[in-house]
mmCIF file of all heavy atoms, coordinates in Angstrom:
data_MODEL
# 
_entry.id   MODEL 
# 
loop_
_atom_site.group_PDB 
_atom_site.id 
_atom_site.type_symbol 
_atom_site.label_atom_id 
_atom_site.label_alt_id 
_atom_site.label_comp_id 
_atom_site.label_asym_id 
_atom_site.label_entity_id 
_atom_site.label_seq_id 
_atom_site.pdbx_PDB_ins_code 
_atom_site.Cartn_x 
_atom_site.Cartn_y 
_atom_site.Cartn_z 
_atom_site.occupancy 
_atom_site.B_iso_or_equiv 
_atom_site.pdbx_formal_charge 
_atom_site.auth_seq_id 
_atom_site.auth_comp_id 
_atom_site.auth_asym_id 
_atom_site.auth_atom_id 
_atom_site.pdbx_PDB_model_num 
ATOM 1   N N   . SER A 1 1  ? 18.835  183.158 -15.139 1.00 0.00 ? 1  SER A N   1 
ATOM 2   C CA  . SER A 1 1  ? 19.398  184.507 -15.268 1.00 0.00 ? 1  SER A CA  1 
ATOM 3   C C   . SER A 1 1  ? 20.547  184.702 -14.277 1.00 0.00 ? 1  SER A C   1 
ATOM 4   O O   . SER A 1 1  ? 20.758  183.891 -13.369 1.00 0.00 ? 1  SER A O   1 
ATOM 5   C CB  . SER A 1 1  ? 18.320  185.558 -15.006 1.00 0.00 ? 1  SER A CB  1 
ATOM 6   O OG  . SER A 1 1  ? 17.331  185.535 -16.000 1.00 0.00 ? 1  SER A OG  1 
ATOM 7   N N   . ASP A 1 2  ? 21.294  185.803 -14.448 1.00 0.00 ? 2  ASP A N   1 
ATOM 8   C CA  . ASP A 1 2  ? 22.379  186.133 -13.523 1.00 0.00 ? 2  ASP A CA  1 
ATOM 9   C C   . ASP A 1 2  ? 21.842  186.256 -12.102 1.00 0.00 ? 2  ASP A C   1 
ATOM 10  O O   . ASP A 1 2  ? 20.769  186.826 -11.873 1.00 0.00 ? 2  ASP A O   1 
ATOM 11  C CB  . ASP A 1 2  ? 23.029  187.459 -13.923 1.00 0.00 ? 2  ASP A CB  1 
ATOM 12  C CG  . ASP A 1 2  ? 23.784  187.361 -15.241 1.00 0.00 ? 2  ASP A CG  1 
ATOM 13  O OD1 . ASP A 1 2  ? 24.222  186.244 -15.583 1.00 0.00 ? 2  ASP A OD1 1 
ATOM 14  O OD2 . ASP A 1 2  ? 23.915  188.393 -15.919 1.00 0.00 ? 2  ASP A OD2 1 
ATOM 15  N N   . GLN A 1 3  ? 22.603  185.728 -11.149 1.00 0.00 ? 3  GLN A N   1 
ATOM 16  C CA  . GLN A 1 3  ? 22.221  185.870 -9.751  1.00 0.00 ? 3  GLN A CA  1 
ATOM 17  C C   . GLN A 1 3  ? 22.583  187.271 -9.256  1.00 0.00 ? 3  GLN A C   1 
ATOM 18  O O   . GLN A 1 3  ? 23.677  187.765 -9.521  1.00 0.00 ? 3  GLN A O   1 
ATOM 19  C CB  . GLN A 1 3  ? 22.922  184.816 -8.896  1.00 0.00 ? 3  GLN A CB  1 
ATOM 20  C CG  . GLN A 1 3  ? 22.298  183.433 -8.988  1.00 0.00 ? 3  GLN A CG  1 
ATOM 21  C CD  . GLN A 1 3  ? 20.899  183.393 -8.385  1.00 0.00 ? 3  GLN A CD  1 
ATOM 22  O OE1 . GLN A 1 3  ? 20.669  183.753 -7.234  1.00 0.00 ? 3  GLN A OE1 1 
ATOM 23  N NE2 . GLN A 1 3  ? 19.927  182.968 -9.202  1.00 0.00 ? 3  GLN A NE2 1 
ATOM 24  N N   . PRO A 1 4  ? 21.678  187.938 -8.555  1.00 0.00 ? 4  PRO A N   1 
ATOM 25  C CA  . PRO A 1 4  ? 21.996  189.260 -8.000  1.00 0.00 ? 4  PRO A CA  1 
ATOM 26  C C   . PRO A 1 4  ? 23.007  189.146 -6.874  1.00 0.00 ? 4  PRO A C   1 
ATOM 27  O O   . PRO A 1 4  ? 22.838  188.334 -5.965  1.00 0.00 ? 4  PRO A O   1 
ATOM 28  C CB  . PRO A 1 4  ? 20.639  189.763 -7.487  1.00 0.00 ? 4  PRO A CB  1 
ATOM 29  C CG  . PRO A 1 4  ? 19.863  188.518 -7.204  1.00 0.00 ? 4  PRO A CG  1 
ATOM 30  C CD  . PRO A 1 4  ? 20.307  187.506 -8.212  1.00 0.00 ? 4  PRO A CD  1 
ATOM 31  N N   . GLU A 1 5  ? 24.050  189.956 -6.925  1.00 0.00 ? 5  GLU A N   1 
ATOM 32  C CA  . GLU A 1 5  ? 25.159  189.824 -5.983  1.00 0.00 ? 5  GLU A CA  1 
ATOM 33  C C   . GLU A 1 5  ? 25.187  190.909 -4.911  1.00 0.00 ? 5  GLU A C   1 
ATOM 34  O O   . GLU A 1 5  ? 25.996  190.849 -3.997  1.00 0.00 ? 5  GLU A O   1 
ATOM 35  C CB  . GLU A 1 5  ? 26.493  189.862 -6.753  1.00 0.00 ? 5  GLU A CB  1 
ATOM 36  C CG  . GLU A 1 5  ? 26.642  188.772 -7.813  1.00 0.00 ? 5  GLU A CG  1 
ATOM 37  C CD  . GLU A 1 5  ? 26.702  187.377 -7.206  1.00 0.00 ? 5  GLU A CD  1 
ATOM 38  O OE1 . GLU A 1 5  ? 27.013  187.261 -6.007  1.00 0.00 ? 5  GLU A OE1 1 
ATOM 39  O OE2 . GLU A 1 5  ? 26.424  186.406 -7.936  1.00 0.00 ? 5  GLU A OE2 1 
ATOM 40  N N   . GLY A 1 6  ? 24.304  191.900 -5.004  1.00 0.00 ? 6  GLY A N   1 
ATOM 41  C CA  . GLY A 1 6  ? 24.447  193.051 -4.123  1.00 0.00 ? 6  GLY A CA  1 
ATOM 42  C C   . GLY A 1 6  ? 23.388  193.213 -3.058  1.00 0.00 ? 6  GLY A C   1 
ATOM 43  O O   . GLY A 1 6  ? 23.249  194.313 -2.486  1.00 0.00 ? 6  GLY A O   1 
ATOM 44  N N   . TRP A 1 7  ? 22.650  192.150 -2.731  1.00 0.00 ? 7  TRP A N   1 
ATOM 45  C CA  . TRP A 1 7  ? 21.576  192.307 -1.759  1.00 0.00 ? 7  TRP A CA  1 
ATOM 46  C C   . TRP A 1 7  ? 22.075  192.617 -0.349  1.00 0.00 ? 7  TRP A C   1 
ATOM 47  O O   . TRP A 1 7  ? 21.296  193.087 0.497   1.00 0.00 ? 7  TRP A O   1 
ATOM 48  C CB  . TRP A 1 7  ? 20.686  191.073 -1.740  1.00 0.00 ? 7  TRP A CB  1 
ATOM 49  C CG  . TRP A 1 7  ? 19.623  191.116 -2.808  1.00 0.00 ? 7  TRP A CG  1 
ATOM 50  C CD1 . TRP A 1 7  ? 19.611  190.435 -3.985  1.00 0.00 ? 7  TRP A CD1 1 
ATOM 51  C CD2 . TRP A 1 7  ? 18.434  191.919 -2.801  1.00 0.00 ? 7  TRP A CD2 1 
ATOM 52  N NE1 . TRP A 1 7  ? 18.490  190.748 -4.718  1.00 0.00 ? 7  TRP A NE1 1 
ATOM 53  C CE2 . TRP A 1 7  ? 17.746  191.658 -4.004  1.00 0.00 ? 7  TRP A CE2 1 
ATOM 54  C CE3 . TRP A 1 7  ? 17.881  192.820 -1.906  1.00 0.00 ? 7  TRP A CE3 1 
ATOM 55  C CZ2 . TRP A 1 7  ? 16.542  192.270 -4.333  1.00 0.00 ? 7  TRP A CZ2 1 
ATOM 56  C CZ3 . TRP A 1 7  ? 16.675  193.437 -2.226  1.00 0.00 ? 7  TRP A CZ3 1 
ATOM 57  C CH2 . TRP A 1 7  ? 16.019  193.160 -3.422  1.00 0.00 ? 7  TRP A CH2 1 
ATOM 58  N N   . ASP A 1 8  ? 23.363  192.394 -0.070  1.00 0.00 ? 8  ASP A N   1 
ATOM 59  C CA  . ASP A 1 8  ? 23.911  192.804 1.225   1.00 0.00 ? 8  ASP A CA  1 
ATOM 60  C C   . ASP A 1 8  ? 23.893  194.323 1.380   1.00 0.00 ? 8  ASP A C   1 
ATOM 61  O O   . ASP A 1 8  ? 24.037  194.842 2.497   1.00 0.00 ? 8  ASP A O   1 
ATOM 62  C CB  . ASP A 1 8  ? 25.348  192.298 1.391   1.00 0.00 ? 8  ASP A CB  1 
ATOM 63  C CG  . ASP A 1 8  ? 25.402  190.798 1.627   1.00 0.00 ? 8  ASP A CG  1 
ATOM 64  O OD1 . ASP A 1 8  ? 24.350  190.215 1.966   1.00 0.00 ? 8  ASP A OD1 1 
ATOM 65  O OD2 . ASP A 1 8  ? 26.487  190.205 1.470   1.00 0.00 ? 8  ASP A OD2 1 
ATOM 66  N N   . GLN A 1 9  ? 23.714  195.036 0.268   1.00 0.00 ? 9  GLN A N   1 
ATOM 67  C CA  . GLN A 1 9  ? 23.697  196.503 0.292   1.00 0.00 ? 9  GLN A CA  1 
ATOM 68  C C   . GLN A 1 9  ? 22.268  197.060 0.308   1.00 0.00 ? 9  GLN A C   1 
ATOM 69  O O   . GLN A 1 9  ? 22.080  198.262 0.148   1.00 0.00 ? 9  GLN A O   1 
ATOM 70  C CB  . GLN A 1 9  ? 24.428  197.046 -0.958  1.00 0.00 ? 9  GLN A CB  1 
ATOM 71  C CG  . GLN A 1 9  ? 25.787  196.430 -1.220  1.00 0.00 ? 9  GLN A CG  1 
ATOM 72  C CD  . GLN A 1 9  ? 26.772  196.734 -0.117  1.00 0.00 ? 9  GLN A CD  1 
ATOM 73  O OE1 . GLN A 1 9  ? 26.779  197.828 0.430   1.00 0.00 ? 9  GLN A OE1 1 
ATOM 74  N NE2 . GLN A 1 9  ? 27.603  195.745 0.217   1.00 0.00 ? 9  GLN A NE2 1 
ATOM 75  N N   . GLN A 1 10 ? 21.267  196.191 0.481   1.00 0.00 ? 10 GLN A N   1 
ATOM 76  C CA  . GLN A 1 10 ? 19.881  196.666 0.392   1.00 0.00 ? 10 GLN A CA  1 
ATOM 77  C C   . GLN A 1 10 ? 19.513  197.584 1.549   1.00 0.00 ? 10 GLN A C   1 
ATOM 78  O O   . GLN A 1 10 ? 20.237  197.695 2.545   1.00 0.00 ? 10 GLN A O   1 
ATOM 79  C CB  . GLN A 1 10 ? 18.917  195.484 0.355   1.00 0.00 ? 10 GLN A CB  1 
ATOM 80  C CG  . GLN A 1 10 ? 18.785  194.714 1.661   1.00 0.00 ? 10 GLN A CG  1 
ATOM 81  C CD  . GLN A 1 10 ? 17.711  193.650 1.599   1.00 0.00 ? 10 GLN A CD  1 
ATOM 82  O OE1 . GLN A 1 10 ? 16.553  193.934 1.312   1.00 0.00 ? 10 GLN A OE1 1 
ATOM 83  N NE2 . GLN A 1 10 ? 18.097  192.396 1.853   1.00 0.00 ? 10 GLN A NE2 1 
ATOM 84  N N   . LEU A 1 11 ? 18.363  198.250 1.427   1.00 0.00 ? 11 LEU A N   1 
ATOM 85  C CA  . LEU A 1 11 ? 17.864  199.115 2.489   1.00 0.00 ? 11 LEU A CA  1 
ATOM 86  C C   . LEU A 1 11 ? 17.673  198.318 3.772   1.00 0.00 ? 11 LEU A C   1 
ATOM 87  O O   . LEU A 1 11 ? 17.461  197.104 3.748   1.00 0.00 ? 11 LEU A O   1 
ATOM 88  C CB  . LEU A 1 11 ? 16.528  199.749 2.082   1.00 0.00 ? 11 LEU A CB  1 
ATOM 89  C CG  . LEU A 1 11 ? 16.500  200.588 0.802   1.00 0.00 ? 11 LEU A CG  1 
ATOM 90  C CD1 . LEU A 1 11 ? 15.149  201.278 0.666   1.00 0.00 ? 11 LEU A CD1 1 
ATOM 91  C CD2 . LEU A 1 11 ? 17.632  201.593 0.758   1.00 0.00 ? 11 LEU A CD2 1 
ATOM 92  N N   . ASP A 1 12 ? 17.752  199.012 4.910   1.00 0.00 ? 12 ASP A N   1 
ATOM 93  C CA  . ASP A 1 12 ? 17.536  198.380 6.208   1.00 0.00 ? 12 ASP A CA  1 
ATOM 94  C C   . ASP A 1 12 ? 16.049  198.087 6.417   1.00 0.00 ? 12 ASP A C   1 
ATOM 95  O O   . ASP A 1 12 ? 15.174  198.685 5.774   1.00 0.00 ? 12 ASP A O   1 
ATOM 96  C CB  . ASP A 1 12 ? 18.017  199.295 7.330   1.00 0.00 ? 12 ASP A CB  1 
ATOM 97  C CG  . ASP A 1 12 ? 19.510  199.584 7.250   1.00 0.00 ? 12 ASP A CG  1 
ATOM 98  O OD1 . ASP A 1 12 ? 20.246  198.705 6.747   1.00 0.00 ? 12 ASP A OD1 1 
ATOM 99  O OD2 . ASP A 1 12 ? 19.924  200.680 7.679   1.00 0.00 ? 12 ASP A OD2 1 
ATOM 100 N N   . ASN A 1 13 ? 15.758  197.183 7.345   1.00 0.00 ? 13 ASN A N   1 
ATOM 101 C CA  . ASN A 1 13 ? 14.365  196.924 7.724   1.00 0.00 ? 13 ASN A CA  1 
ATOM 102 C C   . ASN A 1 13 ? 13.714  198.202 8.246   1.00 0.00 ? 13 ASN A C   1 
ATOM 103 O O   . ASN A 1 13 ? 14.282  198.916 9.077   1.00 0.00 ? 13 ASN A O   1 
ATOM 104 C CB  . ASN A 1 13 ? 14.294  195.848 8.817   1.00 0.00 ? 13 ASN A CB  1 
ATOM 105 C CG  . ASN A 1 13 ? 14.588  194.465 8.275   1.00 0.00 ? 13 ASN A CG  1 
ATOM 106 O OD1 . ASN A 1 13 ? 14.209  194.126 7.156   1.00 0.00 ? 13 ASN A OD1 1 
ATOM 107 N ND2 . ASN A 1 13 ? 15.258  193.642 9.081   1.00 0.00 ? 13 ASN A ND2 1 
ATOM 108 N N   . GLU A 1 14 ? 12.518  198.469 7.758   1.00 0.00 ? 14 GLU A N   1 
ATOM 109 C CA  . GLU A 1 14 ? 11.784  199.662 8.195   1.00 0.00 ? 14 GLU A CA  1 
ATOM 110 C C   . GLU A 1 14 ? 10.305  199.471 7.912   1.00 0.00 ? 14 GLU A C   1 
ATOM 111 O O   . GLU A 1 14 ? 9.918   199.061 6.808   1.00 0.00 ? 14 GLU A O   1 
ATOM 112 C CB  . GLU A 1 14 ? 12.287  200.910 7.463   1.00 0.00 ? 14 GLU A CB  1 
ATOM 113 C CG  . GLU A 1 14 ? 11.598  202.200 7.888   1.00 0.00 ? 14 GLU A CG  1 
ATOM 114 C CD  . GLU A 1 14 ? 12.129  203.417 7.133   1.00 0.00 ? 14 GLU A CD  1 
ATOM 115 O OE1 . GLU A 1 14 ? 13.337  203.471 6.832   1.00 0.00 ? 14 GLU A OE1 1 
ATOM 116 O OE2 . GLU A 1 14 ? 11.316  204.328 6.847   1.00 0.00 ? 14 GLU A OE2 1 
ATOM 117 N N   . LEU A 1 15 ? 9.467   199.756 8.903   1.00 0.00 ? 15 LEU A N   1 
ATOM 118 C CA  . LEU A 1 15 ? 8.026   199.802 8.678   1.00 0.00 ? 15 LEU A CA  1 
ATOM 119 C C   . LEU A 1 15 ? 7.699   201.070 7.902   1.00 0.00 ? 15 LEU A C   1 
ATOM 120 O O   . LEU A 1 15 ? 8.191   202.155 8.245   1.00 0.00 ? 15 LEU A O   1 
ATOM 121 C CB  . LEU A 1 15 ? 7.282   199.782 10.002  1.00 0.00 ? 15 LEU A CB  1 
ATOM 122 C CG  . LEU A 1 15 ? 7.460   198.523 10.867  1.00 0.00 ? 15 LEU A CG  1 
ATOM 123 C CD1 . LEU A 1 15 ? 6.767   198.713 12.213  1.00 0.00 ? 15 LEU A CD1 1 
ATOM 124 C CD2 . LEU A 1 15 ? 6.899   197.301 10.155  1.00 0.00 ? 15 LEU A CD2 1 
ATOM 125 N N   . VAL A 1 16 ? 6.871   200.958 6.881   1.00 0.00 ? 16 VAL A N   1 
ATOM 126 C CA  . VAL A 1 16 ? 6.583   202.103 6.012   1.00 0.00 ? 16 VAL A CA  1 
ATOM 127 C C   . VAL A 1 16 ? 5.075   202.239 5.818   1.00 0.00 ? 16 VAL A C   1 
ATOM 128 O O   . VAL A 1 16 ? 4.315   201.289 6.037   1.00 0.00 ? 16 VAL A O   1 
ATOM 129 C CB  . VAL A 1 16 ? 7.281   201.947 4.643   1.00 0.00 ? 16 VAL A CB  1 
ATOM 130 C CG1 . VAL A 1 16 ? 8.795   202.019 4.808   1.00 0.00 ? 16 VAL A CG1 1 
ATOM 131 C CG2 . VAL A 1 16 ? 6.884   200.643 3.959   1.00 0.00 ? 16 VAL A CG2 1 
ATOM 132 N N   . PHE A 1 17 ? 4.664   203.432 5.374   1.00 0.00 ? 17 PHE A N   1 
ATOM 133 C CA  . PHE A 1 17 ? 3.239   203.698 5.175   1.00 0.00 ? 17 PHE A CA  1 
ATOM 134 C C   . PHE A 1 17 ? 3.052   204.750 4.096   1.00 0.00 ? 17 PHE A C   1 
ATOM 135 O O   . PHE A 1 17 ? 3.992   205.473 3.722   1.00 0.00 ? 17 PHE A O   1 
ATOM 136 C CB  . PHE A 1 17 ? 2.588   204.181 6.476   1.00 0.00 ? 17 PHE A CB  1 
ATOM 137 C CG  . PHE A 1 17 ? 2.966   205.605 6.844   1.00 0.00 ? 17 PHE A CG  1 
ATOM 138 C CD1 . PHE A 1 17 ? 2.165   206.679 6.485   1.00 0.00 ? 17 PHE A CD1 1 
ATOM 139 C CD2 . PHE A 1 17 ? 4.158   205.864 7.532   1.00 0.00 ? 17 PHE A CD2 1 
ATOM 140 C CE1 . PHE A 1 17 ? 2.524   207.986 6.813   1.00 0.00 ? 17 PHE A CE1 1 
ATOM 141 C CE2 . PHE A 1 17 ? 4.523   207.167 7.864   1.00 0.00 ? 17 PHE A CE2 1 
ATOM 142 C CZ  . PHE A 1 17 ? 3.698   208.222 7.497   1.00 0.00 ? 17 PHE A CZ  1 
ATOM 143 N N   . GLN A 1 18 ? 1.809   204.843 3.623   1.00 0.00 ? 18 GLN A N   1 
ATOM 144 C CA  . GLN A 1 18 ? 1.454   205.903 2.677   1.00 0.00 ? 18 GLN A CA  1 
ATOM 145 C C   . GLN A 1 18 ? -0.061  206.105 2.684   1.00 0.00 ? 18 GLN A C   1 
ATOM 146 O O   . GLN A 1 18 ? -0.827  205.135 2.653   1.00 0.00 ? 18 GLN A O   1 
ATOM 147 C CB  . GLN A 1 18 ? 1.903   205.540 1.262   1.00 0.00 ? 18 GLN A CB  1 
ATOM 148 C CG  . GLN A 1 18 ? 1.566   206.599 0.214   1.00 0.00 ? 18 GLN A CG  1 
ATOM 149 C CD  . GLN A 1 18 ? 2.145   206.234 -1.136  1.00 0.00 ? 18 GLN A CD  1 
ATOM 150 O OE1 . GLN A 1 18 ? 3.339   206.405 -1.371  1.00 0.00 ? 18 GLN A OE1 1 
ATOM 151 N NE2 . GLN A 1 18 ? 1.318   205.697 -2.017  1.00 0.00 ? 18 GLN A NE2 1 
ATOM 152 N N   . PHE A 1 19 ? -0.496  207.371 2.757   1.00 0.00 ? 19 PHE A N   1 
ATOM 153 C CA  . PHE A 1 19 ? -1.896  207.749 2.612   1.00 0.00 ? 19 PHE A CA  1 
ATOM 154 C C   . PHE A 1 19 ? -2.060  208.459 1.275   1.00 0.00 ? 19 PHE A C   1 
ATOM 155 O O   . PHE A 1 19 ? -1.197  209.252 0.872   1.00 0.00 ? 19 PHE A O   1 
ATOM 156 C CB  . PHE A 1 19 ? -2.338  208.691 3.744   1.00 0.00 ? 19 PHE A CB  1 
ATOM 157 C CG  . PHE A 1 19 ? -2.279  208.074 5.112   1.00 0.00 ? 19 PHE A CG  1 
ATOM 158 C CD1 . PHE A 1 19 ? -1.371  208.533 6.057   1.00 0.00 ? 19 PHE A CD1 1 
ATOM 159 C CD2 . PHE A 1 19 ? -3.141  207.045 5.460   1.00 0.00 ? 19 PHE A CD2 1 
ATOM 160 C CE1 . PHE A 1 19 ? -1.318  207.974 7.319   1.00 0.00 ? 19 PHE A CE1 1 
ATOM 161 C CE2 . PHE A 1 19 ? -3.091  206.471 6.725   1.00 0.00 ? 19 PHE A CE2 1 
ATOM 162 C CZ  . PHE A 1 19 ? -2.184  206.939 7.653   1.00 0.00 ? 19 PHE A CZ  1 
ATOM 163 N N   . SER A 1 20 ? -3.186  208.192 0.595   1.00 0.00 ? 20 SER A N   1 
ATOM 164 C CA  . SER A 1 20 ? -3.450  208.826 -0.703  1.00 0.00 ? 20 SER A CA  1 
ATOM 165 C C   . SER A 1 20 ? -4.889  209.317 -0.750  1.00 0.00 ? 20 SER A C   1 
ATOM 166 O O   . SER A 1 20 ? -5.806  208.661 -0.248  1.00 0.00 ? 20 SER A O   1 
ATOM 167 C CB  . SER A 1 20 ? -3.217  207.838 -1.849  1.00 0.00 ? 20 SER A CB  1 
ATOM 168 O OG  . SER A 1 20 ? -1.899  207.355 -1.860  1.00 0.00 ? 20 SER A OG  1 
ATOM 169 N N   . ARG A 1 21 ? -5.052  210.476 -1.376  1.00 0.00 ? 21 ARG A N   1 
ATOM 170 C CA  . ARG A 1 21 ? -6.395  211.047 -1.605  1.00 0.00 ? 21 ARG A CA  1 
ATOM 171 C C   . ARG A 1 21 ? -6.446  211.570 -3.041  1.00 0.00 ? 21 ARG A C   1 
ATOM 172 O O   . ARG A 1 21 ? -5.622  212.401 -3.443  1.00 0.00 ? 21 ARG A O   1 
ATOM 173 C CB  . ARG A 1 21 ? -6.663  212.181 -0.611  1.00 0.00 ? 21 ARG A CB  1 
ATOM 174 C CG  . ARG A 1 21 ? -7.997  212.904 -0.825  1.00 0.00 ? 21 ARG A CG  1 
ATOM 175 C CD  . ARG A 1 21 ? -9.177  211.993 -0.515  1.00 0.00 ? 21 ARG A CD  1 
ATOM 176 N NE  . ARG A 1 21 ? -10.424 212.749 -0.464  1.00 0.00 ? 21 ARG A NE  1 
ATOM 177 C CZ  . ARG A 1 21 ? -11.222 212.945 -1.520  1.00 0.00 ? 21 ARG A CZ  1 
ATOM 178 N NH1 . ARG A 1 21 ? -10.877 212.461 -2.702  1.00 0.00 ? 21 ARG A NH1 1 
ATOM 179 N NH2 . ARG A 1 21 ? -12.347 213.622 -1.388  1.00 0.00 ? 21 ARG A NH2 1 
ATOM 180 N N   . GLY A 1 22 ? -7.382  211.045 -3.822  1.00 0.00 ? 22 GLY A N   1 
ATOM 181 C CA  . GLY A 1 22 ? -7.443  211.418 -5.223  1.00 0.00 ? 22 GLY A CA  1 
ATOM 182 C C   . GLY A 1 22 ? -8.858  211.703 -5.688  1.00 0.00 ? 22 GLY A C   1 
ATOM 183 O O   . GLY A 1 22 ? -9.846  211.361 -5.023  1.00 0.00 ? 22 GLY A O   1 
ATOM 184 N N   . ARG A 1 23 ? -8.959  212.321 -6.865  1.00 0.00 ? 23 ARG A N   1 
ATOM 185 C CA  . ARG A 1 23 ? -10.259 212.602 -7.485  1.00 0.00 ? 23 ARG A CA  1 
ATOM 186 C C   . ARG A 1 23 ? -10.109 212.499 -8.996  1.00 0.00 ? 23 ARG A C   1 
ATOM 187 O O   . ARG A 1 23 ? -9.074  212.873 -9.558  1.00 0.00 ? 23 ARG A O   1 
ATOM 188 C CB  . ARG A 1 23 ? -10.781 213.981 -7.089  1.00 0.00 ? 23 ARG A CB  1 
ATOM 189 C CG  . ARG A 1 23 ? -12.042 214.408 -7.845  1.00 0.00 ? 23 ARG A CG  1 
ATOM 190 C CD  . ARG A 1 23 ? -12.675 215.659 -7.268  1.00 0.00 ? 23 ARG A CD  1 
ATOM 191 N NE  . ARG A 1 23 ? -13.414 215.353 -6.034  1.00 0.00 ? 23 ARG A NE  1 
ATOM 192 C CZ  . ARG A 1 23 ? -14.254 216.204 -5.440  1.00 0.00 ? 23 ARG A CZ  1 
ATOM 193 N NH1 . ARG A 1 23 ? -14.436 217.428 -5.952  1.00 0.00 ? 23 ARG A NH1 1 
ATOM 194 N NH2 . ARG A 1 23 ? -14.887 215.866 -4.333  1.00 0.00 ? 23 ARG A NH2 1 
ATOM 195 N N   . ALA A 1 24 ? -11.162 211.977 -9.644  1.00 0.00 ? 24 ALA A N   1 
ATOM 196 C CA  . ALA A 1 24 ? -11.214 211.902 -11.102 1.00 0.00 ? 24 ALA A CA  1 
ATOM 197 C C   . ALA A 1 24 ? -12.477 212.601 -11.588 1.00 0.00 ? 24 ALA A C   1 
ATOM 198 O O   . ALA A 1 24 ? -13.534 212.531 -10.943 1.00 0.00 ? 24 ALA A O   1 
ATOM 199 C CB  . ALA A 1 24 ? -11.196 210.449 -11.577 1.00 0.00 ? 24 ALA A CB  1 
# 
C-alpha cells in the first residue's frame, strides 16, 4: 500500500489516561 508521508506531523509524546464507569 501507499507509504504514509505525514507522520512528522503526528501528536507529541504524552502520557494519557481514562477512567470509565458504566451500567447495563
